[in-house]
Amino acid sequence: MTTERAGSPERTARAPRHVRLTDRVILAVTGLTGIVIGVAGTASTRAFYAANGVDLGHSPAALSDARAAAGAVLATGLLVALGAVVTRLTSLAAATGAAVLLGYGLARLLSIALDGLPGTPLIVATGVELALGAACLIVLARSRI
């Protein structure tokens, strides 16, 4: 007869990990935000970007590029939302959310520095991306403890 000791690899691999409710809420809100933006940007590309002051014109290349970015945001949103309910995906979801959102937010800050201020919707998007990305980074740090 074998007994498992607390802290042994067999015991910790099977033990369900507790995820704080606040972390689940952060991932759920971040994920749902990504899903809504991704669906809007993919399904109504011209209208979505026009609402942000971006004229894509009739260029298939510009529309393809915009839809691809929206699709990536949608996929990120789905993964992050899934991490709110599937405990074993929490760290992956938080890392993905942090990387994508901080990447977007920091790139927008760089663009502001190099190109000037965009319209208000994109300034707001920058703040939201940085805030949600930082929140995901906090979730990631707590999930590693």
N, C-alpha and C. Protein backbone atom coordinates (compact mmCIF):
# COMPACT_ATOMS: atom_id res chain seq x y z
N MET A 1 0.84 -1.18 0.00
CA MET A 1 0.00 0.00 0.00
C MET A 1 0.89 1.24 0.00
N THR A 2 0.58 2.17 -0.89
CA THR A 2 1.34 3.42 -0.94
C THR A 2 0.48 4.55 -0.43
N THR A 3 1.13 5.46 0.21
CA THR A 3 0.41 6.65 0.69
C THR A 3 1.02 7.87 0.02
N GLU A 4 0.17 8.81 -0.30
CA GLU A 4 0.65 10.04 -0.92
C GLU A 4 0.93 11.05 0.17
N ARG A 5 2.09 11.65 0.09
CA ARG A 5 2.44 12.71 1.03
C ARG A 5 1.95 14.03 0.48
N ALA A 6 1.52 14.91 1.36
CA ALA A 6 1.13 16.26 0.93
C ALA A 6 2.34 16.92 0.29
N GLY A 7 2.16 17.50 -0.84
CA GLY A 7 3.25 18.17 -1.53
C GLY A 7 4.00 17.28 -2.50
N SER A 8 3.70 15.98 -2.50
CA SER A 8 4.37 15.10 -3.46
C SER A 8 3.86 15.40 -4.85
N PRO A 9 4.64 15.11 -5.91
CA PRO A 9 4.20 15.41 -7.27
C PRO A 9 2.86 14.78 -7.62
N GLU A 10 2.63 13.55 -7.12
CA GLU A 10 1.36 12.89 -7.42
C GLU A 10 0.20 13.64 -6.80
N ARG A 11 0.40 14.13 -5.60
CA ARG A 11 -0.67 14.82 -4.88
C ARG A 11 -0.95 16.19 -5.50
N THR A 12 0.07 16.96 -5.79
CA THR A 12 -0.14 18.31 -6.30
C THR A 12 -0.64 18.30 -7.73
N ALA A 13 -0.31 17.28 -8.50
CA ALA A 13 -0.77 17.22 -9.88
C ALA A 13 -2.28 17.00 -9.95
N ARG A 14 -2.85 16.34 -8.96
CA ARG A 14 -4.28 16.02 -8.97
C ARG A 14 -5.11 17.02 -8.19
N ALA A 15 -4.49 17.75 -7.30
CA ALA A 15 -5.24 18.66 -6.45
C ALA A 15 -5.78 19.84 -7.27
N PRO A 16 -7.07 20.13 -7.14
CA PRO A 16 -7.60 21.28 -7.86
C PRO A 16 -7.01 22.56 -7.27
N ARG A 17 -6.67 23.46 -8.15
CA ARG A 17 -6.07 24.72 -7.72
C ARG A 17 -7.19 25.73 -7.53
N HIS A 18 -7.14 26.48 -6.47
CA HIS A 18 -8.14 27.50 -6.20
C HIS A 18 -7.79 28.77 -6.98
N VAL A 19 -8.76 29.32 -7.66
CA VAL A 19 -8.59 30.59 -8.37
C VAL A 19 -9.52 31.59 -7.71
N ARG A 20 -8.97 32.73 -7.33
CA ARG A 20 -9.77 33.75 -6.66
C ARG A 20 -10.92 34.20 -7.55
N LEU A 21 -12.02 34.56 -6.91
CA LEU A 21 -13.17 35.07 -7.63
C LEU A 21 -12.80 36.33 -8.41
N THR A 22 -12.01 37.20 -7.80
CA THR A 22 -11.61 38.43 -8.49
C THR A 22 -10.81 38.12 -9.76
N ASP A 23 -9.99 37.09 -9.71
CA ASP A 23 -9.22 36.70 -10.89
C ASP A 23 -10.14 36.16 -11.98
N ARG A 24 -11.13 35.39 -11.57
CA ARG A 24 -12.10 34.87 -12.54
C ARG A 24 -12.88 36.02 -13.18
N VAL A 25 -13.25 37.01 -12.38
CA VAL A 25 -13.99 38.17 -12.91
C VAL A 25 -13.11 38.95 -13.88
N ILE A 26 -11.86 39.17 -13.52
CA ILE A 26 -10.93 39.88 -14.42
C ILE A 26 -10.82 39.16 -15.76
N LEU A 27 -10.63 37.85 -15.71
CA LEU A 27 -10.51 37.08 -16.95
C LEU A 27 -11.82 37.08 -17.73
N ALA A 28 -12.94 36.98 -17.03
CA ALA A 28 -14.23 36.97 -17.72
C ALA A 28 -14.50 38.31 -18.40
N VAL A 29 -14.27 39.40 -17.70
CA VAL A 29 -14.49 40.74 -18.28
C VAL A 29 -13.54 40.97 -19.45
N THR A 30 -12.28 40.62 -19.27
CA THR A 30 -11.29 40.78 -20.34
C THR A 30 -11.66 39.92 -21.54
N GLY A 31 -12.02 38.68 -21.29
CA GLY A 31 -12.39 37.78 -22.37
C GLY A 31 -13.62 38.25 -23.12
N LEU A 32 -14.66 38.63 -22.39
CA LEU A 32 -15.89 39.10 -23.04
C LEU A 32 -15.65 40.38 -23.83
N THR A 33 -14.79 41.25 -23.33
CA THR A 33 -14.44 42.46 -24.07
C THR A 33 -13.78 42.09 -25.40
N GLY A 34 -12.85 41.16 -25.35
CA GLY A 34 -12.18 40.71 -26.57
C GLY A 34 -13.14 40.04 -27.54
N ILE A 35 -14.06 39.26 -27.01
CA ILE A 35 -15.04 38.58 -27.88
C ILE A 35 -15.92 39.60 -28.59
N VAL A 36 -16.45 40.58 -27.84
CA VAL A 36 -17.32 41.60 -28.44
C VAL A 36 -16.58 42.40 -29.49
N ILE A 37 -15.38 42.85 -29.16
CA ILE A 37 -14.59 43.65 -30.12
C ILE A 37 -14.19 42.79 -31.32
N GLY A 38 -13.80 41.56 -31.07
CA GLY A 38 -13.41 40.68 -32.17
C GLY A 38 -14.54 40.37 -33.11
N VAL A 39 -15.72 40.09 -32.57
CA VAL A 39 -16.88 39.82 -33.42
C VAL A 39 -17.25 41.06 -34.22
N ALA A 40 -17.29 42.22 -33.57
CA ALA A 40 -17.64 43.46 -34.26
C ALA A 40 -16.63 43.78 -35.36
N GLY A 41 -15.36 43.63 -35.05
CA GLY A 41 -14.32 43.93 -36.03
C GLY A 41 -14.26 42.95 -37.17
N THR A 42 -14.68 41.72 -36.93
CA THR A 42 -14.67 40.70 -37.97
C THR A 42 -15.93 40.76 -38.83
N ALA A 43 -17.08 40.91 -38.18
CA ALA A 43 -18.36 40.86 -38.89
C ALA A 43 -18.73 42.18 -39.59
N SER A 44 -18.42 43.30 -38.96
CA SER A 44 -18.77 44.62 -39.50
C SER A 44 -17.50 45.46 -39.58
N THR A 45 -16.57 44.99 -40.34
CA THR A 45 -15.23 45.57 -40.35
C THR A 45 -15.22 47.06 -40.65
N ARG A 46 -15.80 47.45 -41.76
CA ARG A 46 -15.78 48.88 -42.14
C ARG A 46 -16.45 49.75 -41.08
N ALA A 47 -17.64 49.34 -40.63
CA ALA A 47 -18.38 50.14 -39.65
C ALA A 47 -17.62 50.21 -38.32
N PHE A 48 -17.06 49.10 -37.89
CA PHE A 48 -16.33 49.08 -36.62
C PHE A 48 -15.14 50.04 -36.67
N TYR A 49 -14.35 49.93 -37.71
CA TYR A 49 -13.17 50.79 -37.80
C TYR A 49 -13.55 52.25 -38.05
N ALA A 50 -14.61 52.49 -38.81
CA ALA A 50 -15.07 53.86 -39.05
C ALA A 50 -15.49 54.53 -37.74
N ALA A 51 -16.11 53.76 -36.84
CA ALA A 51 -16.51 54.30 -35.54
C ALA A 51 -15.30 54.75 -34.73
N ASN A 52 -14.14 54.20 -35.04
CA ASN A 52 -12.89 54.58 -34.37
C ASN A 52 -12.09 55.60 -35.17
N GLY A 53 -12.70 56.12 -36.22
CA GLY A 53 -12.03 57.14 -37.02
C GLY A 53 -11.07 56.58 -38.05
N VAL A 54 -11.16 55.31 -38.37
CA VAL A 54 -10.26 54.67 -39.32
C VAL A 54 -11.03 54.38 -40.61
N ASP A 55 -10.57 54.95 -41.73
CA ASP A 55 -11.19 54.71 -43.03
C ASP A 55 -10.39 53.64 -43.76
N LEU A 56 -11.00 52.47 -43.90
CA LEU A 56 -10.31 51.37 -44.58
C LEU A 56 -10.46 51.45 -46.10
N GLY A 57 -11.35 52.33 -46.56
CA GLY A 57 -11.57 52.44 -48.00
C GLY A 57 -12.12 51.15 -48.57
N HIS A 58 -11.72 50.86 -49.80
CA HIS A 58 -12.20 49.65 -50.47
C HIS A 58 -11.05 48.70 -50.79
N SER A 59 -9.95 48.87 -50.10
CA SER A 59 -8.78 48.05 -50.33
C SER A 59 -8.97 46.66 -49.72
N PRO A 60 -8.98 45.62 -50.55
CA PRO A 60 -9.06 44.26 -49.99
C PRO A 60 -7.92 43.96 -49.01
N ALA A 61 -6.75 44.53 -49.26
CA ALA A 61 -5.61 44.29 -48.37
C ALA A 61 -5.86 44.92 -47.00
N ALA A 62 -6.36 46.16 -46.99
CA ALA A 62 -6.64 46.83 -45.71
C ALA A 62 -7.74 46.11 -44.95
N LEU A 63 -8.79 45.70 -45.67
CA LEU A 63 -9.88 44.97 -45.02
C LEU A 63 -9.41 43.62 -44.49
N SER A 64 -8.58 42.94 -45.24
CA SER A 64 -8.05 41.65 -44.80
C SER A 64 -7.21 41.82 -43.54
N ASP A 65 -6.36 42.83 -43.54
CA ASP A 65 -5.50 43.09 -42.40
C ASP A 65 -6.33 43.43 -41.15
N ALA A 66 -7.36 44.25 -41.34
CA ALA A 66 -8.22 44.64 -40.22
C ALA A 66 -8.99 43.44 -39.69
N ARG A 67 -9.53 42.63 -40.60
CA ARG A 67 -10.27 41.43 -40.16
C ARG A 67 -9.35 40.44 -39.46
N ALA A 68 -8.13 40.30 -39.94
CA ALA A 68 -7.19 39.38 -39.30
C ALA A 68 -6.89 39.82 -37.86
N ALA A 69 -6.67 41.12 -37.67
CA ALA A 69 -6.42 41.63 -36.32
C ALA A 69 -7.64 41.40 -35.43
N ALA A 70 -8.83 41.64 -35.97
CA ALA A 70 -10.06 41.42 -35.20
C ALA A 70 -10.22 39.94 -34.87
N GLY A 71 -9.87 39.07 -35.80
CA GLY A 71 -9.94 37.63 -35.55
C GLY A 71 -8.99 37.20 -34.44
N ALA A 72 -7.81 37.81 -34.41
CA ALA A 72 -6.85 37.50 -33.35
C ALA A 72 -7.37 37.98 -31.99
N VAL A 73 -8.01 39.14 -31.98
CA VAL A 73 -8.60 39.64 -30.73
C VAL A 73 -9.73 38.71 -30.29
N LEU A 74 -10.54 38.24 -31.22
CA LEU A 74 -11.62 37.31 -30.91
C LEU A 74 -11.06 36.01 -30.32
N ALA A 75 -10.05 35.45 -30.95
CA ALA A 75 -9.44 34.21 -30.45
C ALA A 75 -8.85 34.42 -29.05
N THR A 76 -8.20 35.55 -28.85
CA THR A 76 -7.64 35.88 -27.53
C THR A 76 -8.75 35.98 -26.50
N GLY A 77 -9.83 36.65 -26.88
CA GLY A 77 -10.97 36.80 -25.97
C GLY A 77 -11.56 35.46 -25.58
N LEU A 78 -11.69 34.56 -26.54
CA LEU A 78 -12.23 33.23 -26.25
C LEU A 78 -11.33 32.48 -25.27
N LEU A 79 -10.02 32.51 -25.50
CA LEU A 79 -9.09 31.81 -24.61
C LEU A 79 -9.11 32.41 -23.21
N VAL A 80 -9.10 33.74 -23.13
CA VAL A 80 -9.09 34.40 -21.82
C VAL A 80 -10.38 34.10 -21.07
N ALA A 81 -11.52 34.15 -21.76
CA ALA A 81 -12.80 33.83 -21.11
C ALA A 81 -12.82 32.38 -20.63
N LEU A 82 -12.28 31.50 -21.43
CA LEU A 82 -12.21 30.09 -21.04
C LEU A 82 -11.37 29.91 -19.78
N GLY A 83 -10.31 30.70 -19.66
CA GLY A 83 -9.47 30.65 -18.47
C GLY A 83 -10.18 31.06 -17.19
N ALA A 84 -11.30 31.79 -17.34
CA ALA A 84 -12.07 32.18 -16.17
C ALA A 84 -12.86 31.02 -15.59
N VAL A 85 -13.13 30.00 -16.42
CA VAL A 85 -13.95 28.88 -15.95
C VAL A 85 -13.19 27.55 -15.89
N VAL A 86 -12.11 27.42 -16.65
CA VAL A 86 -11.31 26.19 -16.64
C VAL A 86 -10.01 26.49 -15.88
N THR A 87 -9.95 26.01 -14.65
CA THR A 87 -8.84 26.35 -13.76
C THR A 87 -7.47 26.05 -14.35
N ARG A 88 -7.33 24.93 -15.03
CA ARG A 88 -5.99 24.59 -15.55
C ARG A 88 -5.55 25.52 -16.68
N LEU A 89 -6.45 26.34 -17.21
CA LEU A 89 -6.10 27.30 -18.26
C LEU A 89 -5.91 28.72 -17.74
N THR A 90 -6.07 28.92 -16.44
CA THR A 90 -6.00 30.27 -15.88
C THR A 90 -4.67 30.96 -16.18
N SER A 91 -3.56 30.30 -15.94
CA SER A 91 -2.25 30.92 -16.17
C SER A 91 -2.04 31.22 -17.65
N LEU A 92 -2.37 30.28 -18.51
CA LEU A 92 -2.22 30.49 -19.95
C LEU A 92 -3.10 31.64 -20.41
N ALA A 93 -4.34 31.68 -19.94
CA ALA A 93 -5.27 32.74 -20.33
C ALA A 93 -4.77 34.10 -19.86
N ALA A 94 -4.29 34.15 -18.63
CA ALA A 94 -3.79 35.42 -18.08
C ALA A 94 -2.54 35.88 -18.84
N ALA A 95 -1.64 34.97 -19.14
CA ALA A 95 -0.42 35.33 -19.88
C ALA A 95 -0.77 35.81 -21.29
N THR A 96 -1.70 35.12 -21.94
CA THR A 96 -2.11 35.51 -23.29
C THR A 96 -2.78 36.89 -23.28
N GLY A 97 -3.70 37.08 -22.33
CA GLY A 97 -4.38 38.37 -22.22
C GLY A 97 -3.39 39.49 -21.95
N ALA A 98 -2.46 39.26 -21.04
CA ALA A 98 -1.46 40.28 -20.71
C ALA A 98 -0.60 40.60 -21.92
N ALA A 99 -0.11 39.59 -22.60
CA ALA A 99 0.78 39.81 -23.75
C ALA A 99 0.08 40.56 -24.88
N VAL A 100 -1.12 40.12 -25.23
CA VAL A 100 -1.82 40.73 -26.35
C VAL A 100 -2.27 42.15 -26.01
N LEU A 101 -2.90 42.31 -24.85
CA LEU A 101 -3.42 43.64 -24.50
C LEU A 101 -2.31 44.65 -24.21
N LEU A 102 -1.28 44.23 -23.51
CA LEU A 102 -0.16 45.16 -23.27
C LEU A 102 0.58 45.45 -24.57
N GLY A 103 0.65 44.46 -25.46
CA GLY A 103 1.24 44.69 -26.77
C GLY A 103 0.48 45.75 -27.55
N TYR A 104 -0.84 45.62 -27.58
CA TYR A 104 -1.68 46.62 -28.26
C TYR A 104 -1.53 47.99 -27.60
N GLY A 105 -1.66 48.02 -26.28
CA GLY A 105 -1.61 49.30 -25.56
C GLY A 105 -0.27 50.00 -25.70
N LEU A 106 0.82 49.26 -25.57
CA LEU A 106 2.15 49.87 -25.69
C LEU A 106 2.43 50.31 -27.13
N ALA A 107 1.95 49.54 -28.10
CA ALA A 107 2.11 49.94 -29.50
C ALA A 107 1.33 51.22 -29.78
N ARG A 108 0.15 51.35 -29.18
CA ARG A 108 -0.62 52.59 -29.35
C ARG A 108 0.10 53.78 -28.72
N LEU A 109 0.72 53.56 -27.56
CA LEU A 109 1.49 54.64 -26.94
C LEU A 109 2.66 55.05 -27.83
N LEU A 110 3.33 54.08 -28.42
CA LEU A 110 4.41 54.37 -29.35
C LEU A 110 3.89 55.17 -30.53
N SER A 111 2.73 54.78 -31.04
CA SER A 111 2.13 55.48 -32.16
C SER A 111 1.77 56.92 -31.79
N ILE A 112 1.28 57.12 -30.58
CA ILE A 112 0.97 58.48 -30.12
C ILE A 112 2.25 59.31 -30.11
N ALA A 113 3.33 58.72 -29.60
CA ALA A 113 4.61 59.44 -29.54
C ALA A 113 5.16 59.76 -30.92
N LEU A 114 5.01 58.82 -31.85
CA LEU A 114 5.59 59.00 -33.19
C LEU A 114 4.66 59.72 -34.17
N ASP A 115 3.35 59.48 -34.04
CA ASP A 115 2.41 59.95 -35.05
C ASP A 115 1.43 61.01 -34.57
N GLY A 116 1.34 61.22 -33.27
CA GLY A 116 0.38 62.18 -32.72
C GLY A 116 -0.85 61.48 -32.17
N LEU A 117 -1.73 62.29 -31.59
CA LEU A 117 -2.93 61.74 -30.95
C LEU A 117 -3.96 61.29 -31.97
N PRO A 118 -4.51 60.09 -31.78
CA PRO A 118 -5.64 59.65 -32.61
C PRO A 118 -6.94 60.23 -32.02
N GLY A 119 -8.06 59.82 -32.55
CA GLY A 119 -9.34 60.25 -32.01
C GLY A 119 -9.60 59.68 -30.63
N THR A 120 -10.58 60.24 -29.97
CA THR A 120 -10.93 59.83 -28.61
C THR A 120 -11.19 58.33 -28.46
N PRO A 121 -11.92 57.68 -29.39
CA PRO A 121 -12.15 56.24 -29.19
C PRO A 121 -10.86 55.43 -29.09
N LEU A 122 -9.84 55.79 -29.85
CA LEU A 122 -8.59 55.03 -29.79
C LEU A 122 -7.76 55.39 -28.56
N ILE A 123 -7.92 56.60 -28.05
CA ILE A 123 -7.25 56.96 -26.79
C ILE A 123 -7.88 56.16 -25.65
N VAL A 124 -9.21 56.05 -25.66
CA VAL A 124 -9.91 55.24 -24.66
C VAL A 124 -9.49 53.78 -24.79
N ALA A 125 -9.41 53.28 -26.02
CA ALA A 125 -8.99 51.89 -26.25
C ALA A 125 -7.61 51.65 -25.65
N THR A 126 -6.72 52.61 -25.80
CA THR A 126 -5.37 52.48 -25.24
C THR A 126 -5.43 52.29 -23.73
N GLY A 127 -6.21 53.12 -23.06
CA GLY A 127 -6.34 53.01 -21.61
C GLY A 127 -6.96 51.69 -21.18
N VAL A 128 -7.98 51.25 -21.89
CA VAL A 128 -8.64 49.98 -21.57
C VAL A 128 -7.67 48.82 -21.78
N GLU A 129 -6.95 48.84 -22.90
CA GLU A 129 -5.99 47.76 -23.18
C GLU A 129 -4.91 47.69 -22.12
N LEU A 130 -4.38 48.83 -21.73
CA LEU A 130 -3.33 48.84 -20.70
C LEU A 130 -3.87 48.39 -19.35
N ALA A 131 -5.08 48.83 -19.00
CA ALA A 131 -5.67 48.45 -17.71
C ALA A 131 -5.99 46.95 -17.66
N LEU A 132 -6.64 46.43 -18.71
CA LEU A 132 -6.97 45.00 -18.72
C LEU A 132 -5.71 44.15 -18.83
N GLY A 133 -4.73 44.61 -19.62
CA GLY A 133 -3.47 43.88 -19.72
C GLY A 133 -2.74 43.81 -18.39
N ALA A 134 -2.72 44.94 -17.66
CA ALA A 134 -2.09 44.96 -16.34
C ALA A 134 -2.84 44.05 -15.37
N ALA A 135 -4.18 44.05 -15.45
CA ALA A 135 -4.98 43.18 -14.59
C ALA A 135 -4.67 41.71 -14.88
N CYS A 136 -4.53 41.37 -16.16
CA CYS A 136 -4.17 39.99 -16.52
C CYS A 136 -2.79 39.63 -16.00
N LEU A 137 -1.88 40.60 -16.01
CA LEU A 137 -0.54 40.37 -15.48
C LEU A 137 -0.60 40.08 -13.97
N ILE A 138 -1.46 40.76 -13.27
CA ILE A 138 -1.65 40.51 -11.83
C ILE A 138 -2.21 39.11 -11.62
N VAL A 139 -3.20 38.74 -12.42
CA VAL A 139 -3.77 37.39 -12.33
C VAL A 139 -2.68 36.35 -12.58
N LEU A 140 -1.85 36.59 -13.58
CA LEU A 140 -0.76 35.66 -13.89
C LEU A 140 0.19 35.54 -12.70
N ALA A 141 0.57 36.66 -12.12
CA ALA A 141 1.49 36.62 -10.98
C ALA A 141 0.87 35.85 -9.81
N ARG A 142 -0.40 36.06 -9.56
CA ARG A 142 -1.05 35.35 -8.45
C ARG A 142 -1.23 33.86 -8.76
N SER A 143 -1.41 33.53 -10.03
CA SER A 143 -1.61 32.11 -10.36
C SER A 143 -0.31 31.33 -10.29
N ARG A 144 0.81 32.01 -10.28
CA ARG A 144 2.12 31.36 -10.20
C ARG A 144 2.59 31.17 -8.78
N ILE A 145 1.89 31.76 -7.83
CA ILE A 145 2.32 31.72 -6.42
C ILE A 145 1.90 30.40 -5.80
